[in-house]
Amino acid sequence: KTVQQDCKVDISEWKPDTSVINTKDPPDIEIFPRNEAVVRKENTLICFINNFFPPEINITWTKNDEIISTEDPFIKTVSNSDGLFHVFS
């Protein structure tokens, strides 16, 4: 056998790993106030992003169509039991 023949045999026996997550669905997103909403009183919004993969995610906050910086430098993705991820921002 040649290397090429061995390779063809190996590839034909290869089966895809069904445990690998392959999702193109958008994540679930919920936005809610940190404190009870009071008219004319500043509040902080929290965003919960759930059911996404891979774990790398870019989160951008805007106010009046302008990008603003976030106060929380400790944004960390967390694994769900199904292999997808969630994060609070």
PDB file of N, CA and C in Angstrom:
ATOM      1  N   LYS A   1       0.845  -1.196   0.000  1.00  0.00           N
ATOM      2  CA  LYS A   1       0.000   0.000   0.000  1.00  0.00           C
ATOM      3  C   LYS A   1       0.879   1.244   0.000  1.00  0.00           C
ATOM      4  N   THR A   2       0.366   2.248  -0.635  1.00  0.00           N
ATOM      5  CA  THR A   2       1.064   3.533  -0.611  1.00  0.00           C
ATOM      6  C   THR A   2       0.435   4.401   0.464  1.00  0.00           C
ATOM      7  N   VAL A   3       1.096   5.497   0.752  1.00  0.00           N
ATOM      8  CA  VAL A   3       0.563   6.451   1.733  1.00  0.00           C
ATOM      9  C   VAL A   3      -0.786   6.974   1.265  1.00  0.00           C
ATOM     10  N   GLN A   4      -0.909   7.229  -0.030  1.00  0.00           N
ATOM     11  CA  GLN A   4      -2.169   7.741  -0.567  1.00  0.00           C
ATOM     12  C   GLN A   4      -3.297   6.725  -0.362  1.00  0.00           C
ATOM     13  N   GLN A   5      -3.018   5.446  -0.578  1.00  0.00           N
ATOM     14  CA  GLN A   5      -4.039   4.418  -0.377  1.00  0.00           C
ATOM     15  C   GLN A   5      -4.435   4.326   1.093  1.00  0.00           C
ATOM     16  N   ASP A   6      -3.450   4.390   1.987  1.00  0.00           N
ATOM     17  CA  ASP A   6      -3.744   4.363   3.424  1.00  0.00           C
ATOM     18  C   ASP A   6      -4.626   5.536   3.814  1.00  0.00           C
ATOM     19  N   CYS A   7      -4.314   6.696   3.284  1.00  0.00           N
ATOM     20  CA  CYS A   7      -5.074   7.902   3.616  1.00  0.00           C
ATOM     21  C   CYS A   7      -6.518   7.768   3.150  1.00  0.00           C
ATOM     22  N   LYS A   8      -6.720   7.277   1.936  1.00  0.00           N
ATOM     23  CA  LYS A   8      -8.080   7.098   1.420  1.00  0.00           C
ATOM     24  C   LYS A   8      -8.865   6.115   2.281  1.00  0.00           C
ATOM     25  N   VAL A   9      -8.226   5.054   2.717  1.00  0.00           N
ATOM     26  CA  VAL A   9      -8.890   4.073   3.577  1.00  0.00           C
ATOM     27  C   VAL A   9      -9.264   4.717   4.904  1.00  0.00           C
ATOM     28  N   ASP A  10      -8.326   5.450   5.514  1.00  0.00           N
ATOM     29  CA  ASP A  10      -8.595   6.110   6.796  1.00  0.00           C
ATOM     30  C   ASP A  10      -9.740   7.107   6.673  1.00  0.00           C
ATOM     31  N   ILE A  11      -9.751   7.895   5.612  1.00  0.00           N
ATOM     32  CA  ILE A  11     -10.801   8.902   5.440  1.00  0.00           C
ATOM     33  C   ILE A  11     -12.154   8.233   5.235  1.00  0.00           C
ATOM     34  N   SER A  12     -12.194   7.160   4.486  1.00  0.00           N
ATOM     35  CA  SER A  12     -13.481   6.496   4.241  1.00  0.00           C
ATOM     36  C   SER A  12     -14.046   5.888   5.522  1.00  0.00           C
ATOM     37  N   GLU A  13     -13.205   5.574   6.488  1.00  0.00           N
ATOM     38  CA  GLU A  13     -13.663   5.012   7.756  1.00  0.00           C
ATOM     39  C   GLU A  13     -13.988   6.083   8.789  1.00  0.00           C
ATOM     40  N   TRP A  14     -13.664   7.332   8.492  1.00  0.00           N
ATOM     41  CA  TRP A  14     -13.884   8.429   9.439  1.00  0.00           C
ATOM     42  C   TRP A  14     -15.357   8.754   9.533  1.00  0.00           C
ATOM     43  N   LYS A  15     -15.828   8.935  10.722  1.00  0.00           N
ATOM     44  CA  LYS A  15     -17.213   9.336  10.969  1.00  0.00           C
ATOM     45  C   LYS A  15     -17.196  10.664  11.711  1.00  0.00           C
ATOM     46  N   PRO A  16     -18.097  11.585  11.352  1.00  0.00           N
ATOM     47  CA  PRO A  16     -18.126  12.867  12.054  1.00  0.00           C
ATOM     48  C   PRO A  16     -18.457  12.679  13.532  1.00  0.00           C
ATOM     49  N   ASP A  17     -17.888  13.526  14.356  1.00  0.00           N
ATOM     50  CA  ASP A  17     -18.138  13.496  15.799  1.00  0.00           C
ATOM     51  C   ASP A  17     -19.457  14.211  16.067  1.00  0.00           C
ATOM     52  N   THR A  18     -20.490  13.461  16.408  1.00  0.00           N
ATOM     53  CA  THR A  18     -21.809  14.052  16.627  1.00  0.00           C
ATOM     54  C   THR A  18     -21.894  14.831  17.929  1.00  0.00           C
ATOM     55  N   SER A  19     -20.884  14.725  18.783  1.00  0.00           N
ATOM     56  CA  SER A  19     -20.910  15.473  20.041  1.00  0.00           C
ATOM     57  C   SER A  19     -20.461  16.920  19.847  1.00  0.00           C
ATOM     58  N   VAL A  20     -19.910  17.240  18.677  1.00  0.00           N
ATOM     59  CA  VAL A  20     -19.455  18.609  18.410  1.00  0.00           C
ATOM     60  C   VAL A  20     -20.665  19.494  18.158  1.00  0.00           C
ATOM     61  N   ILE A  21     -20.693  20.629  18.834  1.00  0.00           N
ATOM     62  CA  ILE A  21     -21.809  21.557  18.692  1.00  0.00           C
ATOM     63  C   ILE A  21     -21.593  22.407  17.452  1.00  0.00           C
ATOM     64  N   ASN A  22     -22.616  22.476  16.633  1.00  0.00           N
ATOM     65  CA  ASN A  22     -22.553  23.304  15.438  1.00  0.00           C
ATOM     66  C   ASN A  22     -23.867  24.066  15.356  1.00  0.00           C
ATOM     67  N   THR A  23     -23.889  25.275  15.877  1.00  0.00           N
ATOM     68  CA  THR A  23     -25.115  26.057  15.880  1.00  0.00           C
ATOM     69  C   THR A  23     -24.900  27.392  15.199  1.00  0.00           C
ATOM     70  N   LYS A  24     -25.875  27.770  14.414  1.00  0.00           N
ATOM     71  CA  LYS A  24     -25.855  29.092  13.793  1.00  0.00           C
ATOM     72  C   LYS A  24     -27.021  29.919  14.317  1.00  0.00           C
ATOM     73  N   ASP A  25     -27.739  29.354  15.281  1.00  0.00           N
ATOM     74  CA  ASP A  25     -28.866  30.069  15.864  1.00  0.00           C
ATOM     75  C   ASP A  25     -28.358  31.255  16.664  1.00  0.00           C
ATOM     76  N   PRO A  26     -29.066  32.382  16.607  1.00  0.00           N
ATOM     77  CA  PRO A  26     -28.648  33.523  17.431  1.00  0.00           C
ATOM     78  C   PRO A  26     -28.877  33.213  18.904  1.00  0.00           C
ATOM     79  N   PRO A  27     -28.096  33.819  19.786  1.00  0.00           N
ATOM     80  CA  PRO A  27     -28.292  33.570  21.221  1.00  0.00           C
ATOM     81  C   PRO A  27     -29.592  34.190  21.714  1.00  0.00           C
ATOM     82  N   ASP A  28     -30.053  33.721  22.858  1.00  0.00           N
ATOM     83  CA  ASP A  28     -31.195  34.340  23.538  1.00  0.00           C
ATOM     84  C   ASP A  28     -30.665  35.534  24.314  1.00  0.00           C
ATOM     85  N   ILE A  29     -31.350  36.668  24.232  1.00  0.00           N
ATOM     86  CA  ILE A  29     -30.884  37.894  24.886  1.00  0.00           C
ATOM     87  C   ILE A  29     -32.011  38.489  25.714  1.00  0.00           C
ATOM     88  N   GLU A  30     -31.699  38.817  26.970  1.00  0.00           N
ATOM     89  CA  GLU A  30     -32.640  39.514  27.853  1.00  0.00           C
ATOM     90  C   GLU A  30     -31.931  40.734  28.421  1.00  0.00           C
ATOM     91  N   ILE A  31     -32.610  41.876  28.403  1.00  0.00           N
ATOM     92  CA  ILE A  31     -32.056  43.099  28.998  1.00  0.00           C
ATOM     93  C   ILE A  31     -33.013  43.547  30.091  1.00  0.00           C
ATOM     94  N   PHE A  32     -32.455  43.837  31.263  1.00  0.00           N
ATOM     95  CA  PHE A  32     -33.291  44.255  32.388  1.00  0.00           C
ATOM     96  C   PHE A  32     -32.531  45.263  33.240  1.00  0.00           C
ATOM     97  N   PRO A  33     -33.261  46.092  34.020  1.00  0.00           N
ATOM     98  CA  PRO A  33     -32.596  47.082  34.877  1.00  0.00           C
ATOM     99  C   PRO A  33     -32.013  46.424  36.121  1.00  0.00           C
ATOM    100  N   ARG A  34     -30.894  46.963  36.592  1.00  0.00           N
ATOM    101  CA  ARG A  34     -30.280  46.447  37.823  1.00  0.00           C
ATOM    102  C   ARG A  34     -31.199  46.702  39.016  1.00  0.00           C
ATOM    103  N   ASN A  35     -31.760  47.902  39.081  1.00  0.00           N
ATOM    104  CA  ASN A  35     -32.653  48.283  40.180  1.00  0.00           C
ATOM    105  C   ASN A  35     -34.051  48.529  39.633  1.00  0.00           C
ATOM    106  N   GLU A  36     -35.011  48.643  40.532  1.00  0.00           N
ATOM    107  CA  GLU A  36     -36.372  48.957  40.118  1.00  0.00           C
ATOM    108  C   GLU A  36     -36.372  50.284  39.363  1.00  0.00           C
ATOM    109  N   ALA A  37     -37.094  50.328  38.261  1.00  0.00           N
ATOM    110  CA  ALA A  37     -37.127  51.540  37.436  1.00  0.00           C
ATOM    111  C   ALA A  37     -37.903  52.648  38.144  1.00  0.00           C
ATOM    112  N   VAL A  38     -37.280  53.833  38.212  1.00  0.00           N
ATOM    113  CA  VAL A  38     -37.902  55.022  38.788  1.00  0.00           C
ATOM    114  C   VAL A  38     -37.771  56.137  37.755  1.00  0.00           C
ATOM    115  N   VAL A  39     -38.869  56.848  37.501  1.00  0.00           N
ATOM    116  CA  VAL A  39     -38.867  57.918  36.502  1.00  0.00           C
ATOM    117  C   VAL A  39     -37.816  58.967  36.848  1.00  0.00           C
ATOM    118  N   ARG A  40     -37.045  59.383  35.851  1.00  0.00           N
ATOM    119  CA  ARG A  40     -36.004  60.413  35.934  1.00  0.00           C
ATOM    120  C   ARG A  40     -34.836  60.035  36.860  1.00  0.00           C
ATOM    121  N   LYS A  41     -34.685  58.759  37.149  1.00  0.00           N
ATOM    122  CA  LYS A  41     -33.559  58.317  37.969  1.00  0.00           C
ATOM    123  C   LYS A  41     -32.698  57.365  37.140  1.00  0.00           C
ATOM    124  N   GLU A  42     -31.381  57.638  37.108  1.00  0.00           N
ATOM    125  CA  GLU A  42     -30.465  56.785  36.347  1.00  0.00           C
ATOM    126  C   GLU A  42     -30.480  55.371  36.883  1.00  0.00           C
ATOM    127  N   ASN A  43     -30.289  54.441  35.980  1.00  0.00           N
ATOM    128  CA  ASN A  43     -30.251  53.035  36.343  1.00  0.00           C
ATOM    129  C   ASN A  43     -29.238  52.345  35.435  1.00  0.00           C
ATOM    130  N   THR A  44     -28.829  51.170  35.794  1.00  0.00           N
ATOM    131  CA  THR A  44     -27.896  50.399  34.986  1.00  0.00           C
ATOM    132  C   THR A  44     -28.638  49.233  34.356  1.00  0.00           C
ATOM    133  N   LEU A  45     -28.390  49.008  33.075  1.00  0.00           N
ATOM    134  CA  LEU A  45     -28.995  47.873  32.393  1.00  0.00           C
ATOM    135  C   LEU A  45     -28.050  46.676  32.444  1.00  0.00           C
ATOM    136  N   ILE A  46     -28.641  45.508  32.548  1.00  0.00           N
ATOM    137  CA  ILE A  46     -27.883  44.257  32.542  1.00  0.00           C
ATOM    138  C   ILE A  46     -28.380  43.434  31.359  1.00  0.00           C
ATOM    139  N   CYS A  47     -27.453  42.846  30.646  1.00  0.00           N
ATOM    140  CA  CYS A  47     -27.798  42.012  29.500  1.00  0.00           C
ATOM    141  C   CYS A  47     -27.397  40.570  29.803  1.00  0.00           C
ATOM    142  N   PHE A  48     -28.346  39.657  29.671  1.00  0.00           N
ATOM    143  CA  PHE A  48     -28.090  38.227  29.834  1.00  0.00           C
ATOM    144  C   PHE A  48     -28.149  37.594  28.452  1.00  0.00           C
ATOM    145  N   ILE A  49     -27.025  37.039  28.010  1.00  0.00           N
ATOM    146  CA  ILE A  49     -26.922  36.412  26.693  1.00  0.00           C
ATOM    147  C   ILE A  49     -26.732  34.915  26.931  1.00  0.00           C
ATOM    148  N   ASN A  50     -27.604  34.108  26.339  1.00  0.00           N
ATOM    149  CA  ASN A  50     -27.615  32.677  26.634  1.00  0.00           C
ATOM    150  C   ASN A  50     -27.679  31.841  25.354  1.00  0.00           C
ATOM    151  N   ASN A  51     -27.159  30.637  25.454  1.00  0.00           N
ATOM    152  CA  ASN A  51     -27.237  29.634  24.385  1.00  0.00           C
ATOM    153  C   ASN A  51     -26.462  30.026  23.136  1.00  0.00           C
ATOM    154  N   PHE A  52     -25.173  30.301  23.319  1.00  0.00           N
ATOM    155  CA  PHE A  52     -24.333  30.591  22.159  1.00  0.00           C
ATOM    156  C   PHE A  52     -23.096  29.702  22.167  1.00  0.00           C
ATOM    157  N   PHE A  53     -22.533  29.521  20.990  1.00  0.00           N
ATOM    158  CA  PHE A  53     -21.317  28.733  20.802  1.00  0.00           C
ATOM    159  C   PHE A  53     -20.668  29.213  19.524  1.00  0.00           C
ATOM    160  N   PRO A  54     -19.383  29.374  19.494  1.00  0.00           N
ATOM    161  CA  PRO A  54     -18.359  29.109  20.499  1.00  0.00           C
ATOM    162  C   PRO A  54     -18.392  30.147  21.619  1.00  0.00           C
ATOM    163  N   PRO A  55     -17.583  29.952  22.666  1.00  0.00           N
ATOM    164  CA  PRO A  55     -17.643  30.830  23.835  1.00  0.00           C
ATOM    165  C   PRO A  55     -17.127  32.246  23.605  1.00  0.00           C
ATOM    166  N   GLU A  56     -16.378  32.483  22.543  1.00  0.00           N
ATOM    167  CA  GLU A  56     -15.887  33.835  22.280  1.00  0.00           C
ATOM    168  C   GLU A  56     -17.053  34.676  21.768  1.00  0.00           C
ATOM    169  N   ILE A  57     -17.252  35.838  22.386  1.00  0.00           N
ATOM    170  CA  ILE A  57     -18.369  36.700  22.000  1.00  0.00           C
ATOM    171  C   ILE A  57     -17.959  38.154  22.199  1.00  0.00           C
ATOM    172  N   ASN A  58     -18.377  38.999  21.290  1.00  0.00           N
ATOM    173  CA  ASN A  58     -18.141  40.440  21.411  1.00  0.00           C
ATOM    174  C   ASN A  58     -19.448  41.100  21.799  1.00  0.00           C
ATOM    175  N   ILE A  59     -19.410  41.878  22.868  1.00  0.00           N
ATOM    176  CA  ILE A  59     -20.599  42.571  23.357  1.00  0.00           C
ATOM    177  C   ILE A  59     -20.335  44.065  23.260  1.00  0.00           C
ATOM    178  N   THR A  60     -21.231  44.770  22.598  1.00  0.00           N
ATOM    179  CA  THR A  60     -21.098  46.221  22.464  1.00  0.00           C
ATOM    180  C   THR A  60     -22.377  46.874  22.955  1.00  0.00           C
ATOM    181  N   TRP A  61     -22.235  47.824  23.859  1.00  0.00           N
ATOM    182  CA  TRP A  61     -23.369  48.593  24.352  1.00  0.00           C
ATOM    183  C   TRP A  61     -23.411  49.923  23.614  1.00  0.00           C
ATOM    184  N   THR A  62     -24.625  50.367  23.291  1.00  0.00           N
ATOM    185  CA  THR A  62     -24.789  51.682  22.665  1.00  0.00           C
ATOM    186  C   THR A  62     -25.842  52.481  23.424  1.00  0.00           C
ATOM    187  N   LYS A  63     -25.693  53.788  23.363  1.00  0.00           N
ATOM    188  CA  LYS A  63     -26.678  54.712  23.931  1.00  0.00           C
ATOM    189  C   LYS A  63     -26.874  55.812  22.902  1.00  0.00           C
ATOM    190  N   ASN A  64     -28.113  55.980  22.446  1.00  0.00           N
ATOM    191  CA  ASN A  64     -28.418  56.954  21.391  1.00  0.00           C
ATOM    192  C   ASN A  64     -27.527  56.727  20.169  1.00  0.00           C
ATOM    193  N   ASP A  65     -27.362  55.470  19.791  1.00  0.00           N
ATOM    194  CA  ASP A  65     -26.569  55.050  18.625  1.00  0.00           C
ATOM    195  C   ASP A  65     -25.075  55.316  18.756  1.00  0.00           C
ATOM    196  N   GLU A  66     -24.596  55.622  19.946  1.00  0.00           N
ATOM    197  CA  GLU A  66     -23.164  55.827  20.189  1.00  0.00           C
ATOM    198  C   GLU A  66     -22.649  54.680  21.056  1.00  0.00           C
ATOM    199  N   ILE A  67     -21.498  54.118  20.680  1.00  0.00           N
ATOM    200  CA  ILE A  67     -20.899  53.046  21.480  1.00  0.00           C
ATOM    201  C   ILE A  67     -20.412  53.623  22.802  1.00  0.00           C
ATOM    202  N   ILE A  68     -20.748  52.946  23.895  1.00  0.00           N
ATOM    203  CA  ILE A  68     -20.306  53.391  25.220  1.00  0.00           C
ATOM    204  C   ILE A  68     -19.457  52.291  25.855  1.00  0.00           C
ATOM    205  N   SER A  69     -18.615  52.678  26.788  1.00  0.00           N
ATOM    206  CA  SER A  69     -17.792  51.686  27.484  1.00  0.00           C
ATOM    207  C   SER A  69     -18.603  51.082  28.625  1.00  0.00           C
ATOM    208  N   THR A  70     -18.259  49.856  28.984  1.00  0.00           N
ATOM    209  CA  THR A  70     -18.944  49.197  30.093  1.00  0.00           C
ATOM    210  C   THR A  70     -18.107  49.335  31.349  1.00  0.00           C
ATOM    211  N   GLU A  71     -18.769  49.266  32.479  1.00  0.00           N
ATOM    212  CA  GLU A  71     -18.085  49.416  33.763  1.00  0.00           C
ATOM    213  C   GLU A  71     -17.547  48.089  34.283  1.00  0.00           C
ATOM    214  N   ASP A  72     -18.004  46.982  33.705  1.00  0.00           N
ATOM    215  CA  ASP A  72     -17.648  45.665  34.233  1.00  0.00           C
ATOM    216  C   ASP A  72     -16.522  45.027  33.425  1.00  0.00           C
ATOM    217  N   PRO A  73     -15.286  45.049  33.949  1.00  0.00           N
ATOM    218  CA  PRO A  73     -14.183  44.430  33.215  1.00  0.00           C
ATOM    219  C   PRO A  73     -14.095  42.918  33.424  1.00  0.00           C
ATOM    220  N   PHE A  74     -15.012  42.349  34.192  1.00  0.00           N
ATOM    221  CA  PHE A  74     -14.926  40.930  34.543  1.00  0.00           C
ATOM    222  C   PHE A  74     -15.947  40.080  33.802  1.00  0.00           C
ATOM    223  N   ILE A  75     -16.292  40.466  32.588  1.00  0.00           N
ATOM    224  CA  ILE A  75     -17.239  39.691  31.800  1.00  0.00           C
ATOM    225  C   ILE A  75     -16.611  38.331  31.499  1.00  0.00           C
ATOM    226  N   LYS A  76     -17.321  37.261  31.881  1.00  0.00           N
ATOM    227  CA  LYS A  76     -16.779  35.912  31.711  1.00  0.00           C
ATOM    228  C   LYS A  76     -17.872  34.992  31.191  1.00  0.00           C
ATOM    229  N   THR A  77     -17.576  34.270  30.125  1.00  0.00           N
ATOM    230  CA  THR A  77     -18.547  33.305  29.627  1.00  0.00           C
ATOM    231  C   THR A  77     -18.541  32.076  30.530  1.00  0.00           C
ATOM    232  N   VAL A  78     -19.723  31.486  30.693  1.00  0.00           N
ATOM    233  CA  VAL A  78     -19.895  30.322  31.559  1.00  0.00           C
ATOM    234  C   VAL A  78     -20.550  29.215  30.737  1.00  0.00           C
ATOM    235  N   SER A  79     -20.098  27.995  30.939  1.00  0.00           N
ATOM    236  CA  SER A  79     -20.617  26.849  30.192  1.00  0.00           C
ATOM    237  C   SER A  79     -21.942  26.377  30.778  1.00  0.00           C
ATOM    238  N   ASN A  80     -22.912  26.133  29.909  1.00  0.00           N
ATOM    239  CA  ASN A  80     -24.170  25.506  30.305  1.00  0.00           C
ATOM    240  C   ASN A  80     -23.983  23.990  30.278  1.00  0.00           C
ATOM    241  N   SER A  81     -24.913  23.257  30.856  1.00  0.00           N
ATOM    242  CA  SER A  81     -24.800  21.793  30.893  1.00  0.00           C
ATOM    243  C   SER A  81     -24.905  21.161  29.505  1.00  0.00           C
ATOM    244  N   ASP A  82     -25.479  21.881  28.537  1.00  0.00           N
ATOM    245  CA  ASP A  82     -25.628  21.334  27.180  1.00  0.00           C
ATOM    246  C   ASP A  82     -24.459  21.676  26.264  1.00  0.00           C
ATOM    247  N   GLY A  83     -23.413  22.319  26.811  1.00  0.00           N
ATOM    248  CA  GLY A  83     -22.237  22.658  26.006  1.00  0.00           C
ATOM    249  C   GLY A  83     -22.288  24.036  25.386  1.00  0.00           C
ATOM    250  N   LEU A  84     -23.433  24.701  25.470  1.00  0.00           N
ATOM    251  CA  LEU A  84     -23.529  26.085  25.014  1.00  0.00           C
ATOM    252  C   LEU A  84     -23.053  26.991  26.147  1.00  0.00           C
ATOM    253  N   PHE A  85     -23.067  28.310  25.936  1.00  0.00           N
ATOM    254  CA  PHE A  85     -22.520  29.235  26.925  1.00  0.00           C
ATOM    255  C   PHE A  85     -23.499  30.361  27.235  1.00  0.00           C
ATOM    256  N   HIS A  86     -23.246  31.031  28.376  1.00  0.00           N
ATOM    257  CA  HIS A  86     -24.001  32.236  28.719  1.00  0.00           C
ATOM    258  C   HIS A  86     -23.065  33.247  29.356  1.00  0.00           C
ATOM    259  N   VAL A  87     -23.512  34.507  29.372  1.00  0.00           N
ATOM    260  CA  VAL A  87     -22.713  35.586  29.943  1.00  0.00           C
ATOM    261  C   VAL A  87     -23.650  36.714  30.371  1.00  0.00           C
ATOM    262  N   PHE A  88     -23.251  37.427  31.414  1.00  0.00           N
ATOM    263  CA  PHE A  88     -23.932  38.652  31.823  1.00  0.00           C
ATOM    264  C   PHE A  88     -23.036  39.819  31.454  1.00  0.00           C
ATOM    265  N   SER A  89     -23.630  40.914  31.018  1.00  0.00           N
ATOM    266  CA  SER A  89     -22.863  42.117  30.722  1.00  0.00           C
ATOM    267  C   SER A  89     -23.627  43.313  31.252  1.00  0.00           C
TER     268      SER A  89
END
